[in-house]
């Protein structure tokens, strides 16, 4: 019921509204529950650490509304004006502004009488100083609504601006780091993703680059239900002109969200399972088309955008683990994009995890969702064989997308491994979620295997 009420029917590229996906997700949820109930006692005991008990508390929260249609961003002005909005801060990045990707949305706002002040200084992996500057811009113009338009970076900044620029806010950004530390009301918030990756449009998380207690750069998280937007707008047309590298990096990032949400140790649950499986199916089935064979295929782009959105819903209630923990230092210390950072360590983290039999069983469940595996599954047994097959599918995908797979290809060397491992161990929000416990020596070995 929570899923049915939270998700609105999506639209296919030709505009026909459908609710098949919701029914499929609910069916998958029931199937997952039935499968767990029918599992043998031995399997249940072995997997107890990896599968959440049915009686564990579960709260499903996402955006208040979701609108998905190619060209939807050109209706942004009508959407905001119907909410009584007259002024907004439009948070985006310089590249999107320069390329004119924002033009349709801004024209729509102007047409419907919404005065939009553009803040276009959001960089990849935004710093806390960027958030402060955007908050100052919102206060200066008296913005009554915040629009986040871009990838995860722009949307993460917009979420925090909506909280910090609210007239009643008495907090600073440093007061908000952590889980449910945001107090007071926020400004109305609309998020428009231009990449199929972060899923930030439906998550309660913002990641900001700051400075740790030791003076080293590190990524910090604000986790609060107040960061969930009033509306998420999915417009596949916005992704058509993305560079193939960005499409590949962000798409694999979203696939990681699916895999880690499905195997999350602490909060794994049937709703997240259903969302993760469907997200992985959509993403793996459309990413090669979007990157290699036909980047202008709107239907494939729409599938990727929806898949990334479902992945965001999944990991928002079943958090990510060691892949993200080991990826973060690559971004904060070496400026490697978040999606590529995840991709670089993904296969080796899965290799490490499959040393735990319960993890192999979970990877076996995910394998059929990977596009193209049906003809290659002959002779693959459940458990370790299927886990190895899943990892092989990921390596094949990286090859097809022409993605770097070694740290040396992005400028790192074995001398960087101790720093990376130390910084990864600081990700105490993420590491406990990993399906297998991971320590410093394990992290060093994982990095060493991908140098």
Foldseek 3Di string as FASTA:
>chain_A
DVLVQQADFAAAQVGDTDDVLVVLLVVLLVVVVVVLVPDDPVLCVQCVQFADDPPDDFDFAWANYEYEYAVVLLQLLVVVVVVVAQEEEEFEAPVCVVVVLCVSNVVSNVVNRHHYHYDHHFDFQAALVSLVVSLVVCLVVVGQEYEQEEALRSLLSSLVSQQCNPPVDPDRPVQQFDAASRDDAGHAYEYEYLALADLQQIAQKHWHWYADPVRAIFITMGGHSNSRHNYYYYHLVSNLPDALVRRLLRLQNLLLLLLQLCRFRPQNHSSLPSLSLQLLLLSLVQSLCCRPVPVNPSSSSSSSNSSSNSSNSSCNRRNGALLQLLLRCCCRPPNDHSSLSSLQLVLLVLVVLLVRQSSQQSLLVNQVSRPPCPVVCPPQDGTPSSSVVSSVSSVVSCVSSVHQHAPVVSPDDLVCLLVSLVSSVVPVVHHNRHNDHDHSVNSSVSNVVRD
